[in-house]
C-alpha atoms as a PDB file:
ATOM      1  CA  MET A   1     178.275  17.657 216.006  1.00  0.00           C
ATOM      2  CA  HIS A   2     179.986  20.031 213.608  1.00  0.00           C
ATOM      3  CA  VAL A   3     182.749  18.420 211.521  1.00  0.00           C
ATOM      4  CA  SER A   4     185.161  20.485 209.452  1.00  0.00           C
ATOM      5  CA  ALA A   5     185.708  19.942 205.753  1.00  0.00           C
ATOM      6  CA  LEU A   6     189.221  18.757 206.531  1.00  0.00           C
ATOM      7  CA  SER A   7     187.921  16.052 208.850  1.00  0.00           C
ATOM      8  CA  ASN A   8     185.402  14.947 206.242  1.00  0.00           C
ATOM      9  CA  GLY A   9     188.165  14.794 203.683  1.00  0.00           C
ATOM     10  CA  ILE A  10     190.399  12.699 205.924  1.00  0.00           C
ATOM     11  CA  LEU A  11     187.579  10.270 206.620  1.00  0.00           C
ATOM     12  CA  HIS A  12     186.635   9.973 202.962  1.00  0.00           C
ATOM     13  CA  LYS A  13     190.184   9.468 201.753  1.00  0.00           C
ATOM     14  CA  SER A  14     191.007   7.028 204.529  1.00  0.00           C
ATOM     15  CA  PHE A  15     188.089   4.795 203.694  1.00  0.00           C
ATOM     16  CA  LEU A  16     188.847   4.959 199.977  1.00  0.00           C
ATOM     17  CA  LEU A  17     192.460   4.001 200.636  1.00  0.00           C
ATOM     18  CA  PHE A  18     191.402   1.090 202.758  1.00  0.00           C
ATOM     19  CA  ALA A  19     188.732   0.013 200.310  1.00  0.00           C
ATOM     20  CA  SER A  20     191.395  -0.254 197.636  1.00  0.00           C
ATOM     21  CA  SER A  21     193.702  -2.141 200.004  1.00  0.00           C
ATOM     22  CA  ARG A  22     193.372  -5.610 201.307  1.00  0.00           C
ATOM     23  CA  ILE A  23     194.860  -6.818 204.548  1.00  0.00           C
ATOM     24  CA  LEU A  24     197.264  -9.368 203.138  1.00  0.00           C
ATOM     25  CA  THR A  25     199.390 -11.881 204.878  1.00  0.00           C
ATOM     26  CA  GLN A  26     202.641 -13.419 203.932  1.00  0.00           C
ATOM     27  CA  ASN A  27     203.775 -16.577 202.270  1.00  0.00           C
ATOM     28  CA  TYR A  28     207.343 -17.648 202.882  1.00  0.00           C
ATOM     29  CA  GLN A  29     209.406 -20.626 201.736  1.00  0.00           C
ATOM     30  CA  ILE A  30     211.573 -22.765 203.983  1.00  0.00           C
ATOM     31  CA  THR A  31     213.449 -25.615 202.438  1.00  0.00           C
ATOM     32  CA  LYS A  32     214.036 -27.806 205.481  1.00  0.00           C
ATOM     33  CA  LEU A  33     212.723 -27.537 209.045  1.00  0.00           C
ATOM     34  CA  LEU A  34     214.642 -29.624 211.600  1.00  0.00           C
ATOM     35  CA  HIS A  35     212.521 -28.742 214.633  1.00  0.00           C
ATOM     36  CA  SER A  36     212.448 -32.354 215.823  1.00  0.00           C
ATOM     37  CA  LEU A  37     216.113 -32.350 216.839  1.00  0.00           C
ATOM     38  CA  PRO A  38     216.707 -32.977 220.566  1.00  0.00           C
ATOM     39  CA  PHE A  39     218.680 -29.780 221.098  1.00  0.00           C
ATOM     40  CA  SER A  40     217.518 -26.216 221.330  1.00  0.00           C
ATOM     41  CA  THR A  41     219.214 -24.679 218.306  1.00  0.00           C
ATOM     42  CA  VAL A  42     217.545 -25.536 215.013  1.00  0.00           C
ATOM     43  CA  THR A  43     219.067 -24.681 211.662  1.00  0.00           C
ATOM     44  CA  ILE A  44     216.969 -24.378 208.544  1.00  0.00           C
ATOM     45  CA  GLU A  45     218.911 -24.587 205.313  1.00  0.00           C
ATOM     46  CA  SER A  46     218.377 -21.892 202.716  1.00  0.00           C
ATOM     47  CA  ASN A  47     217.604 -22.752 199.140  1.00  0.00           C
ATOM     48  CA  ASN A  48     221.147 -22.436 197.816  1.00  0.00           C
ATOM     49  CA  LEU A  49     221.031 -18.672 198.206  1.00  0.00           C
ATOM     50  CA  PRO A  50     224.072 -16.454 198.683  1.00  0.00           C
ATOM     51  CA  PRO A  51     224.526 -15.086 202.209  1.00  0.00           C
ATOM     52  CA  ASN A  52     223.108 -11.676 201.339  1.00  0.00           C
ATOM     53  CA  LYS A  53     219.817 -13.308 200.367  1.00  0.00           C
ATOM     54  CA  ARG A  54     219.376 -15.208 203.617  1.00  0.00           C
ATOM     55  CA  PHE A  55     217.422 -14.095 206.609  1.00  0.00           C
ATOM     56  CA  THR A  56     218.063 -15.048 210.217  1.00  0.00           C
ATOM     57  CA  SER A  57     215.231 -15.047 212.719  1.00  0.00           C
ATOM     58  CA  VAL A  58     214.872 -16.097 216.333  1.00  0.00           C
ATOM     59  CA  GLY A  59     211.878 -17.831 217.904  1.00  0.00           C
ATOM     60  CA  TYR A  60     211.164 -20.005 220.921  1.00  0.00           C
ATOM     61  CA  LYS A  61     210.178 -23.632 221.182  1.00  0.00           C
ATOM     62  CA  ARG A  62     208.570 -24.377 224.545  1.00  0.00           C
ATOM     63  CA  GLY A  63     210.870 -21.935 226.279  1.00  0.00           C
ATOM     64  CA  LYS A  64     214.000 -22.919 224.321  1.00  0.00           C
ATOM     65  CA  GLN A  65     215.596 -20.561 221.869  1.00  0.00           C
ATOM     66  CA  VAL A  66     215.325 -21.602 218.246  1.00  0.00           C
ATOM     67  CA  GLN A  67     217.491 -19.992 215.585  1.00  0.00           C
ATOM     68  CA  ASN A  68     216.342 -20.304 211.998  1.00  0.00           C
ATOM     69  CA  ILE A  69     218.244 -19.555 208.804  1.00  0.00           C
ATOM     70  CA  VAL A  70     215.591 -19.484 206.120  1.00  0.00           C
ATOM     71  CA  ASP A  71     215.013 -18.762 202.506  1.00  0.00           C
ATOM     72  CA  PHE A  72     212.935 -15.711 203.225  1.00  0.00           C
ATOM     73  CA  LYS A  73     211.047 -15.325 199.981  1.00  0.00           C
ATOM     74  CA  ALA A  74     208.969 -12.425 201.218  1.00  0.00           C
ATOM     75  CA  LYS A  75     212.012 -10.410 202.259  1.00  0.00           C
ATOM     76  CA  ARG A  76     213.147 -10.406 198.650  1.00  0.00           C
ATOM     77  CA  GLU A  77     209.672  -9.454 197.483  1.00  0.00           C
ATOM     78  CA  GLY A  78     209.513  -6.350 199.676  1.00  0.00           C
ATOM     79  CA  LEU A  79     206.612  -4.739 201.459  1.00  0.00           C
ATOM     80  CA  ASN A  80     202.947  -5.175 200.662  1.00  0.00           C
ATOM     81  CA  TRP A  81     202.464  -1.461 200.155  1.00  0.00           C
ATOM     82  CA  ASP A  82     198.666  -1.526 200.110  1.00  0.00           C
ATOM     83  CA  SER A  83     198.579  -3.314 203.470  1.00  0.00           C
ATOM     84  CA  PHE A  84     201.371  -1.130 204.852  1.00  0.00           C
ATOM     85  CA  ILE A  85     199.591   2.100 203.881  1.00  0.00           C
ATOM     86  CA  ALA A  86     196.162   0.967 205.086  1.00  0.00           C
ATOM     87  CA  ILE A  87     197.480  -0.296 208.417  1.00  0.00           C
ATOM     88  CA  GLY A  88     199.534   2.866 208.832  1.00  0.00           C
ATOM     89  CA  ILE A  89     196.547   5.133 208.219  1.00  0.00           C
ATOM     90  CA  PHE A  90     194.431   3.196 210.691  1.00  0.00           C
ATOM     91  CA  HIS A  91     197.130   3.392 213.356  1.00  0.00           C
ATOM     92  CA  ILE A  92     197.554   7.153 212.872  1.00  0.00           C
ATOM     93  CA  LEU A  93     193.818   7.780 213.146  1.00  0.00           C
ATOM     94  CA  ALA A  94     193.589   5.412 216.128  1.00  0.00           C
ATOM     95  CA  ILE A  95     196.175   7.561 217.908  1.00  0.00           C
ATOM     96  CA  GLY A  96     194.103  10.604 216.974  1.00  0.00           C
ATOM     97  CA  ALA A  97     191.130   9.049 218.752  1.00  0.00           C
ATOM     98  CA  LEU A  98     192.953   9.419 222.070  1.00  0.00           C
ATOM     99  CA  PHE A  99     192.510  13.198 221.806  1.00  0.00           C
ATOM    100  CA  THR A 100     188.721  12.971 221.367  1.00  0.00           C
ATOM    101  CA  PHE A 101     187.724  10.887 224.375  1.00  0.00           C
ATOM    102  CA  SER A 102     184.135  10.821 225.555  1.00  0.00           C
ATOM    103  CA  TRP A 103     182.082   8.192 227.319  1.00  0.00           C
ATOM    104  CA  ALA A 104     179.872   7.866 224.255  1.00  0.00           C
ATOM    105  CA  ASN A 105     182.911   7.242 222.070  1.00  0.00           C
ATOM    106  CA  LEU A 106     184.218   4.643 224.520  1.00  0.00           C
ATOM    107  CA  ALA A 107     180.829   2.925 224.482  1.00  0.00           C
ATOM    108  CA  ALA A 108     180.956   2.820 220.671  1.00  0.00           C
ATOM    109  CA  PHE A 109     184.471   1.356 220.850  1.00  0.00           C
ATOM    110  CA  LEU A 110     183.462  -1.401 223.291  1.00  0.00           C
ATOM    111  CA  PHE A 111     180.256  -2.292 221.470  1.00  0.00           C
ATOM    112  CA  MET A 112     181.960  -2.498 218.077  1.00  0.00           C
ATOM    113  CA  TRP A 113     184.868  -4.468 219.575  1.00  0.00           C
ATOM    114  CA  TRP A 114     182.441  -7.056 220.950  1.00  0.00           C
ATOM    115  CA  PHE A 115     180.380  -7.039 217.764  1.00  0.00           C
ATOM    116  CA  ALA A 116     183.372  -7.581 215.449  1.00  0.00           C
ATOM    117  CA  GLY A 117     185.804  -9.428 217.711  1.00  0.00           C
ATOM    118  CA  SER A 118     183.533 -11.785 219.637  1.00  0.00           C
ATOM    119  CA  LEU A 119     180.471 -12.357 217.458  1.00  0.00           C
ATOM    120  CA  GLY A 120     182.427 -11.881 214.240  1.00  0.00           C
ATOM    121  CA  ILE A 121     185.913 -13.355 214.598  1.00  0.00           C
ATOM    122  CA  GLY A 122     185.541 -15.628 217.633  1.00  0.00           C
ATOM    123  CA  LEU A 123     182.117 -17.126 216.985  1.00  0.00           C
ATOM    124  CA  GLY A 124     181.720 -16.519 213.263  1.00  0.00           C
ATOM    125  CA  TYR A 125     185.005 -16.833 211.419  1.00  0.00           C
ATOM    126  CA  HIS A 126     186.709 -19.127 213.939  1.00  0.00           C
ATOM    127  CA  ARG A 127     184.485 -21.486 215.892  1.00  0.00           C
ATOM    128  CA  LEU A 128     181.669 -21.725 213.325  1.00  0.00           C
ATOM    129  CA  LEU A 129     183.082 -21.292 209.813  1.00  0.00           C
ATOM    130  CA  THR A 130     186.609 -22.637 210.347  1.00  0.00           C
ATOM    131  CA  HIS A 131     186.066 -25.507 212.790  1.00  0.00           C
ATOM    132  CA  ARG A 132     182.302 -26.111 212.598  1.00  0.00           C
ATOM    133  CA  GLY A 133     182.118 -26.468 216.368  1.00  0.00           C
ATOM    134  CA  PHE A 134     178.360 -25.881 216.214  1.00  0.00           C
ATOM    135  CA  LYS A 135     175.575 -25.473 213.692  1.00  0.00           C
ATOM    136  CA  ALA A 136     173.533 -22.333 213.141  1.00  0.00           C
ATOM    137  CA  PRO A 137     170.689 -21.469 210.790  1.00  0.00           C
ATOM    138  CA  LYS A 138     171.879 -19.778 207.634  1.00  0.00           C
ATOM    139  CA  TRP A 139     170.595 -16.338 208.588  1.00  0.00           C
ATOM    140  CA  LEU A 140     172.589 -16.476 211.841  1.00  0.00           C
ATOM    141  CA  GLU A 141     175.683 -17.802 210.058  1.00  0.00           C
ATOM    142  CA  TYR A 142     175.474 -14.887 207.617  1.00  0.00           C
ATOM    143  CA  PHE A 143     175.000 -12.458 210.501  1.00  0.00           C
ATOM    144  CA  PHE A 144     178.122 -13.754 212.271  1.00  0.00           C
ATOM    145  CA  THR A 145     180.014 -13.570 208.975  1.00  0.00           C
ATOM    146  CA  PHE A 146     178.960  -9.958 208.492  1.00  0.00           C
ATOM    147  CA  CYS A 147     180.117  -9.186 212.033  1.00  0.00           C
ATOM    148  CA  GLY A 148     183.458 -10.762 211.131  1.00  0.00           C
ATOM    149  CA  THR A 149     183.905  -8.479 208.141  1.00  0.00           C
ATOM    150  CA  LEU A 150     183.786  -5.503 210.502  1.00  0.00           C
ATOM    151  CA  ALA A 151     187.091  -6.652 212.012  1.00  0.00           C
ATOM    152  CA  LEU A 152     188.784  -5.960 208.645  1.00  0.00           C
ATOM    153  CA  GLN A 153     190.863  -9.134 208.835  1.00  0.00           C
ATOM    154  CA  ALA A 154     190.023 -10.159 205.249  1.00  0.00           C
ATOM    155  CA  GLY A 155     186.951 -11.930 203.979  1.00  0.00           C
ATOM    156  CA  ALA A 156     185.739 -15.144 205.541  1.00  0.00           C
ATOM    157  CA  VAL A 157     186.938 -17.379 202.693  1.00  0.00           C
ATOM    158  CA  LYS A 158     190.556 -16.191 202.890  1.00  0.00           C
ATOM    159  CA  TRP A 159     190.554 -15.978 206.695  1.00  0.00           C
ATOM    160  CA  VAL A 160     189.251 -19.526 207.066  1.00  0.00           C
ATOM    161  CA  THR A 161     191.643 -20.860 204.425  1.00  0.00           C
ATOM    162  CA  THR A 162     194.603 -19.273 206.198  1.00  0.00           C
ATOM    163  CA  HIS A 163     193.534 -20.579 209.591  1.00  0.00           C
ATOM    164  CA  ARG A 164     192.897 -24.103 208.371  1.00  0.00           C
ATOM    165  CA  ILE A 165     196.366 -24.084 206.796  1.00  0.00           C
ATOM    166  CA  HIS A 166     197.754 -22.943 210.167  1.00  0.00           C
ATOM    167  CA  HIS A 167     196.150 -25.909 211.923  1.00  0.00           C
ATOM    168  CA  ALA A 168     197.162 -28.386 209.241  1.00  0.00           C
ATOM    169  CA  HIS A 169     200.799 -27.251 209.199  1.00  0.00           C
ATOM    170  CA  THR A 170     201.361 -25.570 212.559  1.00  0.00           C
ATOM    171  CA  GLU A 171     204.922 -24.303 212.935  1.00  0.00           C
ATOM    172  CA  THR A 172     206.227 -25.935 209.798  1.00  0.00           C
ATOM    173  CA  ASP A 173     207.370 -24.332 206.571  1.00  0.00           C
ATOM    174  CA  LYS A 174     203.727 -24.035 205.483  1.00  0.00           C
ATOM    175  CA  ASP A 175     202.461 -22.239 208.594  1.00  0.00           C
ATOM    176  CA  PRO A 176     201.624 -18.628 207.609  1.00  0.00           C
ATOM    177  CA  HIS A 177     202.644 -17.130 210.973  1.00  0.00           C
ATOM    178  CA  SER A 178     204.963 -19.384 212.940  1.00  0.00           C
ATOM    179  CA  PRO A 179     206.769 -17.723 215.891  1.00  0.00           C
ATOM    180  CA  ARG A 180     209.713 -19.983 215.106  1.00  0.00           C
ATOM    181  CA  ASN A 181     210.484 -17.373 212.472  1.00  0.00           C
ATOM    182  CA  GLY A 182     210.433 -14.578 215.046  1.00  0.00           C
ATOM    183  CA  THR A 183     207.900 -12.886 217.288  1.00  0.00           C
ATOM    184  CA  TYR A 184     207.553  -9.875 215.004  1.00  0.00           C
ATOM    185  CA  TRP A 185     206.966 -12.164 212.043  1.00  0.00           C
ATOM    186  CA  ALA A 186     204.202 -14.094 213.819  1.00  0.00           C
ATOM    187  CA  HIS A 187     202.529 -10.915 215.064  1.00  0.00           C
ATOM    188  CA  ILE A 188     202.480  -8.572 212.073  1.00  0.00           C
ATOM    189  CA  GLY A 189     205.421  -9.299 209.781  1.00  0.00           C
ATOM    190  CA  TRP A 190     203.536 -11.987 207.886  1.00  0.00           C
ATOM    191  CA  ILE A 191     200.920  -9.397 206.968  1.00  0.00           C
ATOM    192  CA  MET A 192     203.397  -6.791 205.785  1.00  0.00           C
ATOM    193  CA  ARG A 193     205.267  -9.076 203.389  1.00  0.00           C
ATOM    194  CA  GLY A 194     204.376 -11.909 201.056  1.00  0.00           C
ATOM    195  CA  THR A 195     201.119 -13.418 199.914  1.00  0.00           C
ATOM    196  CA  SER A 196     199.987 -15.908 202.557  1.00  0.00           C
ATOM    197  CA  GLN A 197     196.393 -14.750 202.428  1.00  0.00           C
ATOM    198  CA  GLU A 198     196.288 -14.362 198.652  1.00  0.00           C
ATOM    199  CA  HIS A 199     195.499 -18.029 198.068  1.00  0.00           C
ATOM    200  CA  ASP A 200     195.084 -19.455 194.608  1.00  0.00           C
ATOM    201  CA  ASP A 201     191.867 -21.187 193.592  1.00  0.00           C
ATOM    202  CA  ASP A 202     193.255 -24.681 194.133  1.00  0.00           C
ATOM    203  CA  THR A 203     194.274 -23.867 197.715  1.00  0.00           C
ATOM    204  CA  ILE A 204     190.873 -22.373 198.504  1.00  0.00           C
ATOM    205  CA  ARG A 205     189.104 -25.374 196.989  1.00  0.00           C
ATOM    206  CA  LYS A 206     191.249 -27.655 199.132  1.00  0.00           C
ATOM    207  CA  TYR A 207     190.878 -25.848 202.461  1.00  0.00           C
ATOM    208  CA  ALA A 208     187.517 -24.084 202.202  1.00  0.00           C
ATOM    209  CA  PRO A 209     185.319 -26.079 199.803  1.00  0.00           C
ATOM    210  CA  ASP A 210     182.292 -25.646 202.060  1.00  0.00           C
ATOM    211  CA  LEU A 211     182.472 -21.850 201.978  1.00  0.00           C
ATOM    212  CA  ILE A 212     182.904 -21.324 198.243  1.00  0.00           C
ATOM    213  CA  LYS A 213     179.693 -23.282 197.631  1.00  0.00           C
ATOM    214  CA  ASP A 214     177.706 -20.604 199.474  1.00  0.00           C
ATOM    215  CA  PRO A 215     177.146 -17.519 197.272  1.00  0.00           C
ATOM    216  CA  VAL A 216     176.267 -15.307 200.267  1.00  0.00           C
ATOM    217  CA  ILE A 217     179.514 -16.147 202.073  1.00  0.00           C
ATOM    218  CA  VAL A 218     181.438 -15.533 198.847  1.00  0.00           C
ATOM    219  CA  PHE A 219     179.699 -12.176 198.362  1.00  0.00           C
ATOM    220  CA  LEU A 220     180.374 -11.065 201.944  1.00  0.00           C
ATOM    221  CA  SER A 221     183.988 -12.176 201.572  1.00  0.00           C
ATOM    222  CA  ARG A 222     184.538 -10.262 198.348  1.00  0.00           C
ATOM    223  CA  TRP A 223     183.063  -7.028 199.723  1.00  0.00           C
ATOM    224  CA  TYR A 224     184.188  -7.419 203.328  1.00  0.00           C
ATOM    225  CA  TRP A 225     185.683  -3.915 203.507  1.00  0.00           C
ATOM    226  CA  ALA A 226     182.324  -2.283 202.714  1.00  0.00           C
ATOM    227  CA  SER A 227     181.000  -3.055 206.194  1.00  0.00           C
ATOM    228  CA  ALA A 228     183.572  -0.671 207.713  1.00  0.00           C
ATOM    229  CA  ILE A 229     182.292   2.135 205.510  1.00  0.00           C
ATOM    230  CA  LEU A 230     178.718   1.351 206.524  1.00  0.00           C
ATOM    231  CA  ALA A 231     179.710   1.323 210.199  1.00  0.00           C
ATOM    232  CA  GLY A 232     181.539   4.624 209.742  1.00  0.00           C
ATOM    233  CA  ILE A 233     178.466   6.264 208.237  1.00  0.00           C
ATOM    234  CA  VAL A 234     176.209   5.048 211.055  1.00  0.00           C
ATOM    235  CA  LEU A 235     178.650   6.138 213.765  1.00  0.00           C
ATOM    236  CA  PHE A 236     179.154   9.517 212.081  1.00  0.00           C
ATOM    237  CA  LEU A 237     175.396  10.130 212.098  1.00  0.00           C
ATOM    238  CA  ILE A 238     175.218   9.183 215.781  1.00  0.00           C
ATOM    239  CA  GLY A 239     178.268  10.880 217.226  1.00  0.00           C
ATOM    240  CA  GLY A 240     180.238  12.671 214.531  1.00  0.00           C
ATOM    241  CA  PHE A 241     183.780  12.121 213.323  1.00  0.00           C
ATOM    242  CA  SER A 242     185.210  11.498 216.795  1.00  0.00           C
ATOM    243  CA  MET A 243     182.913   8.492 217.218  1.00  0.00           C
ATOM    244  CA  VAL A 244     184.149   7.176 213.863  1.00  0.00           C
ATOM    245  CA  LEU A 245     187.711   7.474 215.160  1.00  0.00           C
ATOM    246  CA  TRP A 246     186.820   5.361 218.194  1.00  0.00           C
ATOM    247  CA  GLY A 247     184.292   2.931 216.726  1.00  0.00           C
ATOM    248  CA  VAL A 248     186.119   2.186 213.461  1.00  0.00           C
ATOM    249  CA  PHE A 249     189.796   3.124 213.551  1.00  0.00           C
ATOM    250  CA  ALA A 250     190.798   2.680 217.210  1.00  0.00           C
ATOM    251  CA  ARG A 251     188.597  -0.370 217.619  1.00  0.00           C
ATOM    252  CA  THR A 252     189.931  -2.003 214.444  1.00  0.00           C
ATOM    253  CA  VAL A 253     193.572  -1.436 215.384  1.00  0.00           C
ATOM    254  CA  PHE A 254     192.997  -2.763 218.892  1.00  0.00           C
ATOM    255  CA  GLY A 255     191.187  -5.800 217.500  1.00  0.00           C
ATOM    256  CA  TRP A 256     193.993  -6.489 215.038  1.00  0.00           C
ATOM    257  CA  HIS A 257     196.648  -6.570 217.717  1.00  0.00           C
ATOM    258  CA  MET A 258     194.575  -8.715 220.053  1.00  0.00           C
ATOM    259  CA  THR A 259     194.025 -11.287 217.299  1.00  0.00           C
ATOM    260  CA  TRP A 260     197.681 -11.155 216.288  1.00  0.00           C
ATOM    261  CA  LEU A 261     198.668 -11.875 219.907  1.00  0.00           C
ATOM    262  CA  VAL A 262     196.931 -15.236 219.551  1.00  0.00           C
ATOM    263  CA  ASN A 263     199.182 -15.952 216.563  1.00  0.00           C
ATOM    264  CA  SER A 264     202.348 -14.786 218.294  1.00  0.00           C
ATOM    265  CA  ALA A 265     202.246 -14.688 222.100  1.00  0.00           C
ATOM    266  CA  THR A 266     200.164 -17.815 222.720  1.00  0.00           C
ATOM    267  CA  HIS A 267     202.782 -19.819 220.838  1.00  0.00           C
ATOM    268  CA  LEU A 268     205.529 -18.323 223.004  1.00  0.00           C
ATOM    269  CA  TRP A 269     204.316 -17.757 226.573  1.00  0.00           C
ATOM    270  CA  GLY A 270     201.817 -19.556 228.743  1.00  0.00           C
ATOM    271  CA  THR A 271     201.011 -22.971 230.184  1.00  0.00           C
ATOM    272  CA  ARG A 272     200.476 -26.246 228.396  1.00  0.00           C
ATOM    273  CA  ARG A 273     197.775 -28.697 229.445  1.00  0.00           C
ATOM    274  CA  PHE A 274     198.132 -30.908 226.373  1.00  0.00           C
ATOM    275  CA  GLU A 275     201.338 -32.141 224.744  1.00  0.00           C
ATOM    276  CA  THR A 276     200.427 -31.115 221.225  1.00  0.00           C
ATOM    277  CA  ARG A 277     202.908 -31.312 218.363  1.00  0.00           C
ATOM    278  CA  ASP A 278     203.088 -27.511 218.238  1.00  0.00           C
ATOM    279  CA  ASP A 279     204.134 -24.816 220.735  1.00  0.00           C
ATOM    280  CA  SER A 280     200.638 -23.580 221.606  1.00  0.00           C
ATOM    281  CA  THR A 281     199.974 -22.425 225.175  1.00  0.00           C
ATOM    282  CA  ASN A 282     197.095 -21.229 227.314  1.00  0.00           C
ATOM    283  CA  ASN A 283     197.435 -17.549 228.166  1.00  0.00           C
ATOM    284  CA  ALA A 284     194.851 -16.034 230.512  1.00  0.00           C
ATOM    285  CA  LEU A 285     195.714 -12.429 229.685  1.00  0.00           C
ATOM    286  CA  ILE A 286     195.247 -12.955 225.976  1.00  0.00           C
ATOM    287  CA  ALA A 287     192.060 -14.914 226.617  1.00  0.00           C
ATOM    288  CA  ALA A 288     190.732 -11.887 228.496  1.00  0.00           C
ATOM    289  CA  VAL A 289     191.270  -9.534 225.546  1.00  0.00           C
ATOM    290  CA  THR A 290     190.090 -11.958 222.846  1.00  0.00           C
ATOM    291  CA  TRP A 291     186.826 -13.121 224.411  1.00  0.00           C
ATOM    292  CA  GLY A 292     188.307 -16.547 225.205  1.00  0.00           C
ATOM    293  CA  GLU A 293     190.525 -17.251 222.200  1.00  0.00           C
ATOM    294  CA  GLY A 294     193.682 -17.244 224.333  1.00  0.00           C
ATOM    295  CA  TRP A 295     193.135 -20.782 225.640  1.00  0.00           C
ATOM    296  CA  HIS A 296     195.131 -21.770 222.623  1.00  0.00           C
ATOM    297  CA  ASN A 297     196.709 -25.021 223.775  1.00  0.00           C
ATOM    298  CA  ASN A 298     193.234 -26.326 224.621  1.00  0.00           C
ATOM    299  CA  HIS A 299     192.117 -25.275 221.171  1.00  0.00           C
ATOM    300  CA  HIS A 300     194.996 -26.891 219.295  1.00  0.00           C
ATOM    301  CA  ALA A 301     194.431 -30.114 221.211  1.00  0.00           C
ATOM    302  CA  GLN A 302     190.682 -30.101 220.487  1.00  0.00           C
ATOM    303  CA  PRO A 303     190.194 -27.731 217.538  1.00  0.00           C
ATOM    304  CA  THR A 304     186.560 -28.640 216.812  1.00  0.00           C
ATOM    305  CA  SER A 305     185.426 -28.073 220.382  1.00  0.00           C
ATOM    306  CA  ALA A 306     183.284 -24.943 220.621  1.00  0.00           C
ATOM    307  CA  LYS A 307     184.421 -24.624 224.226  1.00  0.00           C
ATOM    308  CA  HIS A 308     188.021 -23.404 224.614  1.00  0.00           C
ATOM    309  CA  GLY A 309     188.091 -22.622 228.328  1.00  0.00           C
ATOM    310  CA  LEU A 310     187.978 -26.160 229.703  1.00  0.00           C
ATOM    311  CA  ALA A 311     188.426 -25.484 233.426  1.00  0.00           C
ATOM    312  CA  TRP A 312     186.065 -23.437 235.581  1.00  0.00           C
ATOM    313  CA  TYR A 313     188.661 -20.695 235.933  1.00  0.00           C
ATOM    314  CA  GLU A 314     189.308 -20.427 232.184  1.00  0.00           C
ATOM    315  CA  PHE A 315     186.958 -17.574 231.352  1.00  0.00           C
ATOM    316  CA  ASP A 316     185.573 -17.954 227.818  1.00  0.00           C
ATOM    317  CA  ILE A 317     182.949 -15.384 226.838  1.00  0.00           C
ATOM    318  CA  ASN A 318     182.647 -16.779 223.320  1.00  0.00           C
ATOM    319  CA  TRP A 319     181.707 -20.158 224.768  1.00  0.00           C
ATOM    320  CA  MET A 320     179.193 -18.529 227.124  1.00  0.00           C
ATOM    321  CA  THR A 321     177.553 -16.881 224.131  1.00  0.00           C
ATOM    322  CA  ILE A 322     177.368 -20.194 222.256  1.00  0.00           C
ATOM    323  CA  TRP A 323     175.962 -21.899 225.370  1.00  0.00           C
ATOM    324  CA  LEU A 324     173.282 -19.219 225.697  1.00  0.00           C
ATOM    325  CA  LEU A 325     172.373 -19.438 222.008  1.00  0.00           C
ATOM    326  CA  GLN A 326     172.036 -23.190 222.385  1.00  0.00           C
ATOM    327  CA  LYS A 327     169.755 -22.824 225.402  1.00  0.00           C
ATOM    328  CA  VAL A 328     167.363 -20.601 223.448  1.00  0.00           C
ATOM    329  CA  GLY A 329     167.458 -22.953 220.476  1.00  0.00           C
ATOM    330  CA  LEU A 330     169.358 -20.784 218.003  1.00  0.00           C
ATOM    331  CA  VAL A 331     172.360 -23.101 217.604  1.00  0.00           C
ATOM    332  CA  THR A 332     172.531 -26.896 217.645  1.00  0.00           C
ATOM    333  CA  ASP A 333     175.034 -29.778 217.494  1.00  0.00           C
ATOM    334  CA  VAL A 334     177.487 -27.963 219.751  1.00  0.00           C
ATOM    335  CA  ARG A 335     180.725 -29.930 220.058  1.00  0.00           C
ATOM    336  CA  VAL A 336     182.345 -29.849 223.509  1.00  0.00           C
ATOM    337  CA  TYR A 337     185.399 -31.528 224.985  1.00  0.00           C
ATOM    338  CA  ASN A 338     185.373 -31.916 228.758  1.00  0.00           C
ATOM    339  CA  LEU A 339     188.450 -32.531 230.890  1.00  0.00           C
ATOM    340  CA  GLY A 340     188.845 -36.117 232.021  1.00  0.00           C
ATOM    341  CA  GLU A 341     187.530 -37.555 228.784  1.00  0.00           C
ATOM    342  CA  GLN A 342     189.641 -39.275 226.195  1.00  0.00           C
ATOM    343  CA  PRO A 343     190.555 -37.106 223.197  1.00  0.00           C
ATOM    344  CA  SER A 344     188.277 -39.203 221.010  1.00  0.00           C
ATOM    345  CA  GLN A 345     185.303 -38.524 223.288  1.00  0.00           C
ATOM    346  CA  LEU A 346     184.371 -35.150 221.851  1.00  0.00           C
ATOM    347  CA  LYS A 347     180.635 -34.954 222.501  1.00  0.00           C
ATOM    348  CA  ARG A 348     177.679 -32.903 221.499  1.00  0.00           C
ATOM    349  CA  ALA A 349     176.703 -30.554 224.306  1.00  0.00           C
ATOM    350  CA  ALA A 350     173.421 -31.419 225.981  1.00  0.00           C
END
């Protein structure tokens, strides 16, 4: 397929801009969180700031409105311009993909979405590296990690550190993306402002000591953005610039928003099977577009279970993939929680 010099230039510059940018998340400071009060309105005191330095946000706690007045450190710090520019470029080019539809481009989109979102984020970054819900040989662990880099959601070390912090401090002042500070904040605002994913060495050593001991994981994490360039080159050789638009830009933007919905929407809307200390819910729609990650209340109740869809009607493609890999002997020590068992009875899958 013939590609103009202008198109080549856009592609080259876009990748260079993204390579120099890192998808950051935000770190905010809240002095006091009174979410345990028995009434719906919760006030969080600011850190002795004048009124013009305070930020008011609205969230929901199990269907009840929660109003927070916080010391919004990131608001004073301003935008993360590298993240803002990179995300903006990707969104613009993703919109451009809509004008270059073909069945081949759609196939590239779907394949790359599964490759990065299911094998990479769901199985690799989340259920394997973060929660160690199963064991895999090192070559397969590295493969899943590489798939995860294609999602452009940061390297595995920072992603896992952020997610383990989320589980350790869900919907408190230390949670990187709590919806109690607003739906927009939980979805994308935490990426646009602050430094939640720019963890210092002590934090990484505390939350991801297993990962930083592995030089391959560290290497893949440091150069995570390079996989998108590699994918772009391969797709360009197969289907030209329009396939790059679909397989890299549109697919990445779609994958971002689907993952961010787990952070935002599944803590706001859905059903609750378990009375966890957080606001997590099970949301079938989000599970459908995240390969099973939307059964979020199940997951927060049993975070090390490799199986998130606990009932027969809770469709969980990521679990089906793990189950299949176990049957052929590629993964072992699969941890599974089954309904009807006591929480302490998390078992290895047979």
